[in-house]
Amino acid sequence: MNETLLASHLLLWVVVLVLAGVVVALVRQIGILHERVAPVGALAVADGIEVGAEAPVLRPPDLTGRPVEIGRASAQSTLLFFLSPTCPVCKTLLPSVRRVVAAQTEVRLVLASDGPVEEHRAFVAAAGLEGLSYVVSTELGLAYRVAKLPYAVLIDRAGIVRARGLVNTREHVESLFEAEARGVGSVQEFLADRASRERVV
């Protein structure tokens, strides 16, 4: 009886040690995968204002008819977020966009769209966006060559476009600020540059 009990204990310890080894191996593999998986950034489309170029200076009206100056040098950077009341991804992403901007220092958020003003007023009321800069201007979308939504453009205090692209997640929005901090047009550009340097070395 005692021998059977001892054998079962030994077998149990062997199983525990094997499982511990499996867990260690899995943790190691997760670490390796984490290093290999590239961070996801906003999708920089080929068409549009070049990163590093001066932003066009425009004064589109907000929903009250007051002009909102965009593109001129100012005390704050500007995140232009192009959206539509009929875009489900835009609606889902809006709270994240607001949180990301709130976490930045000296950045103002300007929501931009086009179409009937009354439709946008209803959208602002339904989404609780009162108090935010919300402009309705076809000219603004054309100036930035916005073809798909949601789309965002980060303009620095000097009025220079620092990052832009399609944004579908909070990580995409954050990547615009990361690209600006690293002095590149997009996270993809940074990764491609790093990969080319590693190949040379």
N, C-alpha and C. Protein backbone atom coordinates (compact mmCIF):
# COMPACT_ATOMS: atom_id res chain seq x y z
N MET A 1 0.83 -1.20 0.00
CA MET A 1 0.00 0.00 0.00
C MET A 1 0.87 1.26 0.00
N ASN A 2 1.89 1.24 0.91
CA ASN A 2 2.79 2.39 0.99
C ASN A 2 3.58 2.56 -0.31
N GLU A 3 3.96 1.44 -0.92
CA GLU A 3 4.70 1.52 -2.17
C GLU A 3 3.85 2.12 -3.28
N THR A 4 2.56 1.77 -3.29
CA THR A 4 1.64 2.31 -4.30
C THR A 4 1.47 3.81 -4.10
N LEU A 5 1.34 4.24 -2.85
CA LEU A 5 1.19 5.65 -2.54
C LEU A 5 2.45 6.43 -2.93
N LEU A 6 3.61 5.86 -2.64
CA LEU A 6 4.89 6.50 -2.99
C LEU A 6 5.03 6.62 -4.51
N ALA A 7 4.66 5.58 -5.22
CA ALA A 7 4.75 5.59 -6.69
C ALA A 7 3.82 6.64 -7.29
N SER A 8 2.61 6.76 -6.71
CA SER A 8 1.66 7.76 -7.23
C SER A 8 2.16 9.18 -6.96
N HIS A 9 2.80 9.40 -5.80
CA HIS A 9 3.38 10.72 -5.49
C HIS A 9 4.51 11.06 -6.46
N LEU A 10 5.35 10.06 -6.71
CA LEU A 10 6.45 10.27 -7.65
C LEU A 10 5.93 10.59 -9.05
N LEU A 11 4.92 9.85 -9.46
CA LEU A 11 4.32 10.08 -10.78
C LEU A 11 3.70 11.47 -10.86
N LEU A 12 3.05 11.88 -9.77
CA LEU A 12 2.44 13.22 -9.72
C LEU A 12 3.51 14.30 -9.84
N TRP A 13 4.64 14.12 -9.15
CA TRP A 13 5.72 15.10 -9.22
C TRP A 13 6.34 15.16 -10.62
N VAL A 14 6.44 14.03 -11.26
CA VAL A 14 6.95 13.99 -12.64
C VAL A 14 6.01 14.79 -13.56
N VAL A 15 4.71 14.58 -13.41
CA VAL A 15 3.72 15.30 -14.22
C VAL A 15 3.83 16.81 -13.96
N VAL A 16 3.96 17.21 -12.69
CA VAL A 16 4.06 18.63 -12.33
C VAL A 16 5.31 19.24 -12.96
N LEU A 17 6.43 18.53 -12.90
CA LEU A 17 7.67 19.04 -13.48
C LEU A 17 7.58 19.16 -15.00
N VAL A 18 6.93 18.18 -15.64
CA VAL A 18 6.75 18.24 -17.10
C VAL A 18 5.87 19.44 -17.46
N LEU A 19 4.78 19.64 -16.72
CA LEU A 19 3.90 20.79 -16.97
C LEU A 19 4.63 22.11 -16.75
N ALA A 20 5.46 22.18 -15.72
CA ALA A 20 6.24 23.40 -15.46
C ALA A 20 7.18 23.68 -16.63
N GLY A 21 7.80 22.62 -17.16
CA GLY A 21 8.67 22.80 -18.33
C GLY A 21 7.90 23.30 -19.55
N VAL A 22 6.69 22.78 -19.74
CA VAL A 22 5.85 23.22 -20.86
C VAL A 22 5.48 24.70 -20.70
N VAL A 23 5.13 25.10 -19.48
CA VAL A 23 4.77 26.50 -19.23
C VAL A 23 5.96 27.42 -19.50
N VAL A 24 7.14 27.03 -19.05
CA VAL A 24 8.35 27.84 -19.29
C VAL A 24 8.60 27.97 -20.79
N ALA A 25 8.45 26.87 -21.53
CA ALA A 25 8.66 26.91 -22.98
C ALA A 25 7.63 27.82 -23.66
N LEU A 26 6.38 27.75 -23.23
CA LEU A 26 5.34 28.60 -23.81
C LEU A 26 5.60 30.09 -23.53
N VAL A 27 6.00 30.40 -22.29
CA VAL A 27 6.31 31.78 -21.94
C VAL A 27 7.45 32.30 -22.80
N ARG A 28 8.45 31.47 -23.02
CA ARG A 28 9.58 31.87 -23.87
C ARG A 28 9.12 32.14 -25.30
N GLN A 29 8.28 31.28 -25.82
CA GLN A 29 7.78 31.45 -27.19
C GLN A 29 6.92 32.71 -27.32
N ILE A 30 6.13 32.99 -26.30
CA ILE A 30 5.32 34.22 -26.33
C ILE A 30 6.22 35.44 -26.36
N GLY A 31 7.30 35.42 -25.58
CA GLY A 31 8.26 36.53 -25.58
C GLY A 31 8.89 36.73 -26.95
N ILE A 32 9.25 35.62 -27.60
CA ILE A 32 9.85 35.70 -28.94
C ILE A 32 8.85 36.25 -29.94
N LEU A 33 7.61 35.77 -29.88
CA LEU A 33 6.57 36.27 -30.78
C LEU A 33 6.30 37.75 -30.56
N HIS A 34 6.31 38.17 -29.30
CA HIS A 34 6.07 39.57 -28.98
C HIS A 34 7.13 40.46 -29.62
N GLU A 35 8.37 40.00 -29.63
CA GLU A 35 9.44 40.77 -30.25
C GLU A 35 9.31 40.83 -31.76
N ARG A 36 8.80 39.73 -32.34
CA ARG A 36 8.71 39.65 -33.80
C ARG A 36 7.49 40.37 -34.37
N VAL A 37 6.42 40.41 -33.62
CA VAL A 37 5.19 41.04 -34.12
C VAL A 37 5.37 42.54 -34.13
N ALA A 38 5.19 43.14 -35.28
CA ALA A 38 5.37 44.59 -35.41
C ALA A 38 4.18 45.33 -34.81
N PRO A 39 4.40 46.48 -34.21
CA PRO A 39 3.28 47.28 -33.73
C PRO A 39 2.42 47.73 -34.88
N VAL A 40 1.14 47.82 -34.63
CA VAL A 40 0.21 48.21 -35.68
C VAL A 40 0.06 49.72 -35.67
N GLY A 41 0.21 50.32 -36.82
CA GLY A 41 0.08 51.76 -36.92
C GLY A 41 -1.02 52.14 -37.89
N ALA A 42 -1.35 53.42 -37.90
CA ALA A 42 -2.33 53.92 -38.86
C ALA A 42 -1.85 53.61 -40.26
N LEU A 43 -2.78 53.22 -41.13
CA LEU A 43 -2.42 52.86 -42.49
C LEU A 43 -2.18 54.12 -43.30
N ALA A 44 -0.93 54.37 -43.62
CA ALA A 44 -0.58 55.55 -44.41
C ALA A 44 -0.88 55.25 -45.88
N VAL A 45 -1.81 55.98 -46.46
CA VAL A 45 -2.17 55.78 -47.86
C VAL A 45 -1.26 56.61 -48.74
N ALA A 46 -1.09 56.14 -49.98
CA ALA A 46 -0.15 56.80 -50.89
C ALA A 46 -0.60 58.21 -51.26
N ASP A 47 -1.90 58.38 -51.47
CA ASP A 47 -2.41 59.68 -51.89
C ASP A 47 -2.65 60.56 -50.66
N GLY A 48 -2.30 61.82 -50.76
CA GLY A 48 -2.54 62.73 -49.65
C GLY A 48 -1.38 63.68 -49.46
N ILE A 49 -1.56 64.61 -48.55
CA ILE A 49 -0.50 65.58 -48.25
C ILE A 49 0.68 64.83 -47.65
N GLU A 50 1.86 65.16 -48.12
CA GLU A 50 3.07 64.50 -47.63
C GLU A 50 3.35 64.87 -46.17
N VAL A 51 3.79 63.89 -45.42
CA VAL A 51 4.23 64.15 -44.05
C VAL A 51 5.48 65.03 -44.13
N GLY A 52 5.50 66.09 -43.34
CA GLY A 52 6.59 67.05 -43.37
C GLY A 52 6.27 68.29 -44.17
N ALA A 53 5.14 68.24 -44.90
CA ALA A 53 4.72 69.40 -45.69
C ALA A 53 3.88 70.34 -44.82
N GLU A 54 3.80 71.60 -45.24
CA GLU A 54 2.94 72.54 -44.54
C GLU A 54 1.48 72.17 -44.75
N ALA A 55 0.72 72.23 -43.68
CA ALA A 55 -0.71 71.94 -43.78
C ALA A 55 -1.41 73.11 -44.48
N PRO A 56 -2.40 72.83 -45.32
CA PRO A 56 -3.13 73.94 -45.92
C PRO A 56 -3.87 74.73 -44.83
N VAL A 57 -3.81 76.04 -44.91
CA VAL A 57 -4.50 76.88 -43.92
C VAL A 57 -5.92 77.11 -44.40
N LEU A 58 -6.87 76.60 -43.61
CA LEU A 58 -8.28 76.73 -43.96
C LEU A 58 -9.05 77.20 -42.73
N ARG A 59 -10.22 77.78 -42.97
CA ARG A 59 -11.07 78.24 -41.86
C ARG A 59 -12.51 77.75 -42.08
N PRO A 60 -12.71 76.44 -42.01
CA PRO A 60 -14.06 75.92 -42.21
C PRO A 60 -14.97 76.29 -41.04
N PRO A 61 -16.28 76.39 -41.30
CA PRO A 61 -17.20 76.74 -40.21
C PRO A 61 -17.53 75.54 -39.32
N ASP A 62 -17.73 75.81 -38.04
CA ASP A 62 -18.22 74.75 -37.16
C ASP A 62 -19.75 74.72 -37.26
N LEU A 63 -20.38 73.95 -36.41
CA LEU A 63 -21.84 73.77 -36.52
C LEU A 63 -22.63 75.00 -36.12
N THR A 64 -21.95 75.98 -35.51
CA THR A 64 -22.63 77.24 -35.17
C THR A 64 -22.34 78.31 -36.22
N GLY A 65 -21.51 77.96 -37.21
CA GLY A 65 -21.17 78.93 -38.26
C GLY A 65 -19.89 79.70 -38.00
N ARG A 66 -19.26 79.50 -36.83
CA ARG A 66 -18.01 80.19 -36.53
C ARG A 66 -16.85 79.51 -37.22
N PRO A 67 -15.90 80.27 -37.80
CA PRO A 67 -14.75 79.64 -38.47
C PRO A 67 -13.78 79.03 -37.47
N VAL A 68 -13.24 77.88 -37.83
CA VAL A 68 -12.22 77.19 -37.03
C VAL A 68 -10.95 77.16 -37.86
N GLU A 69 -9.91 77.83 -37.38
CA GLU A 69 -8.67 77.90 -38.15
C GLU A 69 -7.88 76.61 -38.00
N ILE A 70 -7.52 76.05 -39.14
CA ILE A 70 -6.76 74.78 -39.17
C ILE A 70 -5.55 74.96 -40.07
N GLY A 71 -4.39 74.56 -39.58
CA GLY A 71 -3.19 74.56 -40.41
C GLY A 71 -2.19 75.66 -40.10
N ARG A 72 -2.64 76.73 -39.48
CA ARG A 72 -1.71 77.82 -39.16
C ARG A 72 -0.95 77.49 -37.87
N ALA A 73 0.27 78.00 -37.75
CA ALA A 73 1.05 77.80 -36.52
C ALA A 73 0.27 78.31 -35.32
N SER A 74 0.28 77.55 -34.23
CA SER A 74 -0.48 77.93 -33.04
C SER A 74 0.18 77.34 -31.81
N ALA A 75 -0.42 77.59 -30.66
CA ALA A 75 0.15 77.11 -29.39
C ALA A 75 -0.10 75.63 -29.18
N GLN A 76 -0.98 75.03 -29.97
CA GLN A 76 -1.33 73.62 -29.82
C GLN A 76 -1.15 72.87 -31.13
N SER A 77 -0.86 71.58 -31.01
CA SER A 77 -0.94 70.70 -32.17
C SER A 77 -2.42 70.41 -32.42
N THR A 78 -2.74 69.93 -33.59
CA THR A 78 -4.13 69.64 -33.94
C THR A 78 -4.25 68.21 -34.46
N LEU A 79 -5.20 67.46 -33.91
CA LEU A 79 -5.55 66.17 -34.48
C LEU A 79 -6.86 66.34 -35.23
N LEU A 80 -6.80 66.24 -36.55
CA LEU A 80 -7.99 66.30 -37.39
C LEU A 80 -8.53 64.89 -37.52
N PHE A 81 -9.75 64.67 -37.10
CA PHE A 81 -10.35 63.34 -37.20
C PHE A 81 -11.54 63.42 -38.14
N PHE A 82 -11.39 62.83 -39.32
CA PHE A 82 -12.46 62.83 -40.32
C PHE A 82 -13.39 61.65 -40.07
N LEU A 83 -14.67 61.96 -40.00
CA LEU A 83 -15.66 60.94 -39.67
C LEU A 83 -16.96 61.18 -40.42
N SER A 84 -17.90 60.29 -40.22
CA SER A 84 -19.23 60.45 -40.80
C SER A 84 -20.25 59.91 -39.81
N PRO A 85 -21.41 60.54 -39.69
CA PRO A 85 -22.45 60.03 -38.80
C PRO A 85 -22.94 58.64 -39.19
N THR A 86 -22.72 58.25 -40.45
CA THR A 86 -23.18 56.93 -40.92
C THR A 86 -22.07 55.88 -40.89
N CYS A 87 -20.90 56.24 -40.35
CA CYS A 87 -19.76 55.31 -40.29
C CYS A 87 -19.73 54.62 -38.92
N PRO A 88 -20.04 53.31 -38.85
CA PRO A 88 -20.08 52.64 -37.55
C PRO A 88 -18.72 52.59 -36.86
N VAL A 89 -17.64 52.43 -37.63
CA VAL A 89 -16.30 52.40 -37.03
C VAL A 89 -15.97 53.74 -36.40
N CYS A 90 -16.36 54.84 -37.09
CA CYS A 90 -16.12 56.19 -36.56
C CYS A 90 -16.79 56.36 -35.19
N LYS A 91 -18.04 55.91 -35.11
CA LYS A 91 -18.80 56.06 -33.86
C LYS A 91 -18.15 55.26 -32.73
N THR A 92 -17.72 54.05 -33.05
CA THR A 92 -17.09 53.19 -32.04
C THR A 92 -15.76 53.75 -31.58
N LEU A 93 -15.04 54.37 -32.51
CA LEU A 93 -13.68 54.87 -32.22
C LEU A 93 -13.66 56.21 -31.49
N LEU A 94 -14.72 56.99 -31.63
CA LEU A 94 -14.73 58.35 -31.07
C LEU A 94 -14.34 58.43 -29.59
N PRO A 95 -14.88 57.60 -28.70
CA PRO A 95 -14.47 57.70 -27.29
C PRO A 95 -12.97 57.47 -27.11
N SER A 96 -12.39 56.54 -27.87
CA SER A 96 -10.96 56.28 -27.78
C SER A 96 -10.15 57.47 -28.29
N VAL A 97 -10.61 58.08 -29.38
CA VAL A 97 -9.93 59.26 -29.92
C VAL A 97 -9.90 60.36 -28.86
N ARG A 98 -11.02 60.57 -28.20
CA ARG A 98 -11.10 61.62 -27.18
C ARG A 98 -10.15 61.32 -26.01
N ARG A 99 -10.07 60.06 -25.60
CA ARG A 99 -9.18 59.69 -24.50
C ARG A 99 -7.70 59.86 -24.88
N VAL A 100 -7.37 59.45 -26.12
CA VAL A 100 -5.98 59.58 -26.57
C VAL A 100 -5.56 61.04 -26.59
N VAL A 101 -6.42 61.90 -27.12
CA VAL A 101 -6.11 63.34 -27.19
C VAL A 101 -6.03 63.93 -25.79
N ALA A 102 -6.92 63.52 -24.90
CA ALA A 102 -6.90 64.03 -23.53
C ALA A 102 -5.60 63.66 -22.82
N ALA A 103 -5.00 62.53 -23.20
CA ALA A 103 -3.76 62.09 -22.56
C ALA A 103 -2.53 62.83 -23.09
N GLN A 104 -2.69 63.55 -24.20
CA GLN A 104 -1.58 64.30 -24.78
C GLN A 104 -1.53 65.70 -24.16
N THR A 105 -0.40 66.36 -24.30
CA THR A 105 -0.29 67.73 -23.81
C THR A 105 -0.38 68.68 -24.99
N GLU A 106 -1.18 69.71 -24.84
CA GLU A 106 -1.30 70.76 -25.85
C GLU A 106 -1.71 70.23 -27.22
N VAL A 107 -2.77 69.44 -27.25
CA VAL A 107 -3.32 68.95 -28.52
C VAL A 107 -4.82 69.22 -28.52
N ARG A 108 -5.30 69.84 -29.58
CA ARG A 108 -6.74 70.05 -29.70
C ARG A 108 -7.29 69.06 -30.73
N LEU A 109 -8.51 68.64 -30.49
CA LEU A 109 -9.19 67.71 -31.38
C LEU A 109 -10.19 68.47 -32.23
N VAL A 110 -10.12 68.28 -33.54
CA VAL A 110 -11.10 68.86 -34.45
C VAL A 110 -11.74 67.73 -35.23
N LEU A 111 -13.05 67.56 -35.06
CA LEU A 111 -13.79 66.56 -35.83
C LEU A 111 -14.21 67.20 -37.14
N ALA A 112 -14.10 66.46 -38.22
CA ALA A 112 -14.39 67.02 -39.54
C ALA A 112 -15.22 66.06 -40.38
N SER A 113 -16.15 66.64 -41.13
CA SER A 113 -16.98 65.84 -42.01
C SER A 113 -17.57 66.75 -43.08
N ASP A 114 -18.47 66.20 -43.88
CA ASP A 114 -19.20 67.02 -44.85
C ASP A 114 -20.64 66.51 -44.92
N GLY A 115 -21.45 67.22 -45.69
CA GLY A 115 -22.85 66.83 -45.79
C GLY A 115 -23.76 67.83 -45.11
N PRO A 116 -25.06 67.46 -44.97
CA PRO A 116 -26.04 68.37 -44.37
C PRO A 116 -25.71 68.69 -42.91
N VAL A 117 -25.69 69.97 -42.57
CA VAL A 117 -25.34 70.41 -41.22
C VAL A 117 -26.32 69.85 -40.19
N GLU A 118 -27.60 69.79 -40.53
CA GLU A 118 -28.60 69.30 -39.58
C GLU A 118 -28.34 67.85 -39.18
N GLU A 119 -27.88 67.06 -40.12
CA GLU A 119 -27.55 65.66 -39.83
C GLU A 119 -26.42 65.59 -38.81
N HIS A 120 -25.45 66.49 -38.94
CA HIS A 120 -24.32 66.50 -38.01
C HIS A 120 -24.73 67.04 -36.64
N ARG A 121 -25.62 68.00 -36.62
CA ARG A 121 -26.11 68.50 -35.32
C ARG A 121 -26.82 67.39 -34.55
N ALA A 122 -27.61 66.60 -35.25
CA ALA A 122 -28.30 65.48 -34.61
C ALA A 122 -27.30 64.44 -34.11
N PHE A 123 -26.27 64.21 -34.90
CA PHE A 123 -25.23 63.25 -34.52
C PHE A 123 -24.48 63.71 -33.28
N VAL A 124 -24.12 64.99 -33.24
CA VAL A 124 -23.41 65.56 -32.09
C VAL A 124 -24.26 65.42 -30.82
N ALA A 125 -25.54 65.70 -30.93
CA ALA A 125 -26.43 65.59 -29.78
C ALA A 125 -26.56 64.14 -29.32
N ALA A 126 -26.70 63.22 -30.26
CA ALA A 126 -26.87 61.80 -29.92
C ALA A 126 -25.60 61.20 -29.35
N ALA A 127 -24.43 61.64 -29.84
CA ALA A 127 -23.15 61.07 -29.40
C ALA A 127 -22.53 61.82 -28.23
N GLY A 128 -23.17 62.90 -27.77
CA GLY A 128 -22.63 63.67 -26.65
C GLY A 128 -21.33 64.37 -26.98
N LEU A 129 -21.27 64.98 -28.17
CA LEU A 129 -20.04 65.64 -28.62
C LEU A 129 -20.07 67.15 -28.46
N GLU A 130 -21.06 67.64 -27.73
CA GLU A 130 -21.15 69.08 -27.53
C GLU A 130 -19.87 69.60 -26.88
N GLY A 131 -19.44 70.76 -27.30
CA GLY A 131 -18.23 71.36 -26.73
C GLY A 131 -16.97 71.04 -27.52
N LEU A 132 -17.04 70.08 -28.45
CA LEU A 132 -15.89 69.77 -29.29
C LEU A 132 -15.95 70.58 -30.58
N SER A 133 -14.79 70.88 -31.15
CA SER A 133 -14.75 71.54 -32.46
C SER A 133 -15.21 70.53 -33.50
N TYR A 134 -16.25 70.86 -34.21
CA TYR A 134 -16.82 69.96 -35.22
C TYR A 134 -17.11 70.80 -36.45
N VAL A 135 -16.32 70.58 -37.51
CA VAL A 135 -16.48 71.38 -38.73
C VAL A 135 -17.11 70.54 -39.83
N VAL A 136 -17.88 71.20 -40.65
CA VAL A 136 -18.51 70.56 -41.80
C VAL A 136 -18.01 71.28 -43.04
N SER A 137 -17.15 70.59 -43.81
CA SER A 137 -16.50 71.24 -44.94
C SER A 137 -16.03 70.22 -45.96
N THR A 138 -16.59 70.29 -47.15
CA THR A 138 -16.12 69.44 -48.25
C THR A 138 -14.71 69.84 -48.65
N GLU A 139 -14.45 71.15 -48.61
CA GLU A 139 -13.14 71.68 -48.99
C GLU A 139 -12.02 71.09 -48.14
N LEU A 140 -12.28 70.91 -46.85
CA LEU A 140 -11.26 70.37 -45.94
C LEU A 140 -10.91 68.93 -46.31
N GLY A 141 -11.92 68.12 -46.58
CA GLY A 141 -11.68 66.74 -46.98
C GLY A 141 -10.92 66.65 -48.29
N LEU A 142 -11.25 67.53 -49.23
CA LEU A 142 -10.55 67.55 -50.51
C LEU A 142 -9.10 68.00 -50.35
N ALA A 143 -8.87 68.97 -49.48
CA ALA A 143 -7.52 69.48 -49.25
C ALA A 143 -6.60 68.39 -48.71
N TYR A 144 -7.15 67.51 -47.86
CA TYR A 144 -6.35 66.43 -47.28
C TYR A 144 -6.52 65.12 -48.05
N ARG A 145 -7.28 65.15 -49.14
CA ARG A 145 -7.51 64.00 -50.02
C ARG A 145 -8.01 62.78 -49.24
N VAL A 146 -9.01 63.01 -48.45
CA VAL A 146 -9.59 61.94 -47.65
C VAL A 146 -10.52 61.12 -48.53
N ALA A 147 -10.19 59.84 -48.70
CA ALA A 147 -10.99 58.97 -49.55
C ALA A 147 -11.76 57.93 -48.74
N LYS A 148 -11.23 57.55 -47.57
CA LYS A 148 -11.88 56.54 -46.72
C LYS A 148 -11.90 57.03 -45.29
N LEU A 149 -12.85 56.50 -44.54
CA LEU A 149 -13.03 56.90 -43.14
C LEU A 149 -12.93 55.66 -42.25
N PRO A 150 -12.59 55.88 -40.98
CA PRO A 150 -12.11 57.11 -40.34
C PRO A 150 -10.65 57.40 -40.72
N TYR A 151 -10.35 58.69 -40.81
CA TYR A 151 -9.03 59.15 -41.25
C TYR A 151 -8.59 60.24 -40.29
N ALA A 152 -7.30 60.28 -39.99
CA ALA A 152 -6.80 61.29 -39.05
C ALA A 152 -5.51 61.91 -39.57
N VAL A 153 -5.33 63.18 -39.23
CA VAL A 153 -4.12 63.93 -39.59
C VAL A 153 -3.63 64.65 -38.35
N LEU A 154 -2.34 64.49 -38.05
CA LEU A 154 -1.74 65.19 -36.91
C LEU A 154 -0.90 66.35 -37.44
N ILE A 155 -1.26 67.56 -37.04
CA ILE A 155 -0.56 68.79 -37.46
C ILE A 155 0.12 69.37 -36.23
N ASP A 156 1.42 69.65 -36.33
CA ASP A 156 2.14 70.16 -35.16
C ASP A 156 1.91 71.66 -34.98
N ARG A 157 2.54 72.22 -33.95
CA ARG A 157 2.33 73.63 -33.60
C ARG A 157 2.82 74.58 -34.69
N ALA A 158 3.77 74.11 -35.49
CA ALA A 158 4.30 74.96 -36.57
C ALA A 158 3.45 74.89 -37.83
N GLY A 159 2.38 74.09 -37.79
CA GLY A 159 1.52 73.95 -38.97
C GLY A 159 2.04 72.94 -39.98
N ILE A 160 2.86 71.99 -39.50
CA ILE A 160 3.42 70.96 -40.37
C ILE A 160 2.69 69.64 -40.14
N VAL A 161 2.35 68.94 -41.22
CA VAL A 161 1.72 67.62 -41.11
C VAL A 161 2.77 66.64 -40.61
N ARG A 162 2.52 66.04 -39.45
CA ARG A 162 3.50 65.13 -38.84
C ARG A 162 3.14 63.65 -39.02
N ALA A 163 1.87 63.33 -39.15
CA ALA A 163 1.45 61.94 -39.36
C ALA A 163 0.03 61.95 -39.90
N ARG A 164 -0.32 60.90 -40.63
CA ARG A 164 -1.68 60.82 -41.18
C ARG A 164 -1.96 59.37 -41.54
N GLY A 165 -3.23 59.04 -41.68
CA GLY A 165 -3.58 57.70 -42.15
C GLY A 165 -4.96 57.27 -41.71
N LEU A 166 -5.35 56.10 -42.23
CA LEU A 166 -6.61 55.49 -41.83
C LEU A 166 -6.46 54.96 -40.41
N VAL A 167 -7.45 55.22 -39.58
CA VAL A 167 -7.38 54.77 -38.19
C VAL A 167 -8.66 53.99 -37.86
N ASN A 168 -8.49 52.74 -37.44
CA ASN A 168 -9.64 51.91 -37.10
C ASN A 168 -9.67 51.49 -35.64
N THR A 169 -8.56 51.75 -34.93
CA THR A 169 -8.46 51.35 -33.53
C THR A 169 -7.77 52.43 -32.73
N ARG A 170 -7.84 52.30 -31.42
CA ARG A 170 -7.12 53.23 -30.53
C ARG A 170 -5.62 53.18 -30.82
N GLU A 171 -5.09 51.97 -31.07
CA GLU A 171 -3.66 51.83 -31.35
C GLU A 171 -3.26 52.61 -32.59
N HIS A 172 -4.14 52.62 -33.60
CA HIS A 172 -3.86 53.39 -34.81
C HIS A 172 -3.74 54.88 -34.48
N VAL A 173 -4.65 55.38 -33.66
CA VAL A 173 -4.62 56.80 -33.30
C VAL A 173 -3.35 57.11 -32.51
N GLU A 174 -3.03 56.25 -31.54
CA GLU A 174 -1.82 56.46 -30.74
C GLU A 174 -0.57 56.42 -31.61
N SER A 175 -0.60 55.62 -32.68
CA SER A 175 0.57 55.50 -33.54
C SER A 175 0.91 56.81 -34.25
N LEU A 176 -0.08 57.68 -34.45
CA LEU A 176 0.19 58.98 -35.06
C LEU A 176 1.11 59.80 -34.16
N PHE A 177 0.83 59.80 -32.86
CA PHE A 177 1.67 60.52 -31.91
C PHE A 177 3.03 59.85 -31.75
N GLU A 178 3.05 58.52 -31.82
CA GLU A 178 4.31 57.77 -31.75
C GLU A 178 5.18 58.10 -32.96
N ALA A 179 4.57 58.18 -34.14
CA ALA A 179 5.31 58.52 -35.36
C ALA A 179 5.90 59.92 -35.24
N GLU A 180 5.11 60.86 -34.70
CA GLU A 180 5.62 62.22 -34.52
C GLU A 180 6.80 62.24 -33.56
N ALA A 181 6.68 61.49 -32.47
CA ALA A 181 7.75 61.46 -31.46
C ALA A 181 9.05 60.87 -32.04
N ARG A 182 8.92 59.91 -32.96
CA ARG A 182 10.09 59.28 -33.55
C ARG A 182 10.59 60.01 -34.79
N GLY A 183 9.85 61.04 -35.22
CA GLY A 183 10.28 61.81 -36.38
C GLY A 183 10.12 61.09 -37.70
N VAL A 184 9.10 60.21 -37.77
CA VAL A 184 8.84 59.49 -39.02
C VAL A 184 7.40 59.74 -39.45
N GLY A 185 7.11 59.40 -40.70
CA GLY A 185 5.76 59.62 -41.21
C GLY A 185 4.74 58.64 -40.70
N SER A 186 5.20 57.42 -40.37
CA SER A 186 4.29 56.38 -39.88
C SER A 186 5.11 55.33 -39.15
N VAL A 187 4.43 54.51 -38.36
CA VAL A 187 5.10 53.43 -37.65
C VAL A 187 5.67 52.44 -38.67
N GLN A 188 4.93 52.21 -39.78
CA GLN A 188 5.42 51.31 -40.81
C GLN A 188 6.74 51.80 -41.40
N GLU A 189 6.83 53.10 -41.62
CA GLU A 189 8.07 53.69 -42.16
C GLU A 189 9.23 53.46 -41.19
N PHE A 190 8.97 53.65 -39.90
CA PHE A 190 9.99 53.44 -38.89
C PHE A 190 10.47 51.99 -38.88
N LEU A 191 9.53 51.03 -38.94
CA LEU A 191 9.88 49.62 -38.93
C LEU A 191 10.64 49.21 -40.19
N ALA A 192 10.21 49.75 -41.34
CA ALA A 192 10.90 49.43 -42.60
C ALA A 192 12.33 49.96 -42.57
N ASP A 193 12.51 51.16 -42.02
CA ASP A 193 13.84 51.76 -41.92
C ASP A 193 14.73 50.95 -40.98
N ARG A 194 14.15 50.52 -39.85
CA ARG A 194 14.91 49.72 -38.89
C ARG A 194 15.32 48.38 -39.49
N ALA A 195 14.38 47.76 -40.24
CA ALA A 195 14.67 46.46 -40.86
C ALA A 195 15.78 46.59 -41.89
N SER A 196 15.77 47.68 -42.66
CA SER A 196 16.82 47.88 -43.68
C SER A 196 18.17 48.10 -43.01
N ARG A 197 18.19 48.82 -41.89
CA ARG A 197 19.45 49.03 -41.16
C ARG A 197 19.99 47.72 -40.60
N GLU A 198 19.08 46.86 -40.11
CA GLU A 198 19.50 45.57 -39.56
C GLU A 198 20.08 44.67 -40.65
N ARG A 199 19.51 44.75 -41.87
CA ARG A 199 20.03 43.95 -42.98
C ARG A 199 21.43 44.40 -43.38
N VAL A 200 21.66 45.72 -43.32
CA VAL A 200 22.99 46.26 -43.67
C VAL A 200 24.03 45.79 -42.67
N VAL A 201 23.64 45.81 -41.38
CA VAL A 201 24.56 45.38 -40.32
C VAL A 201 24.77 43.87 -40.42
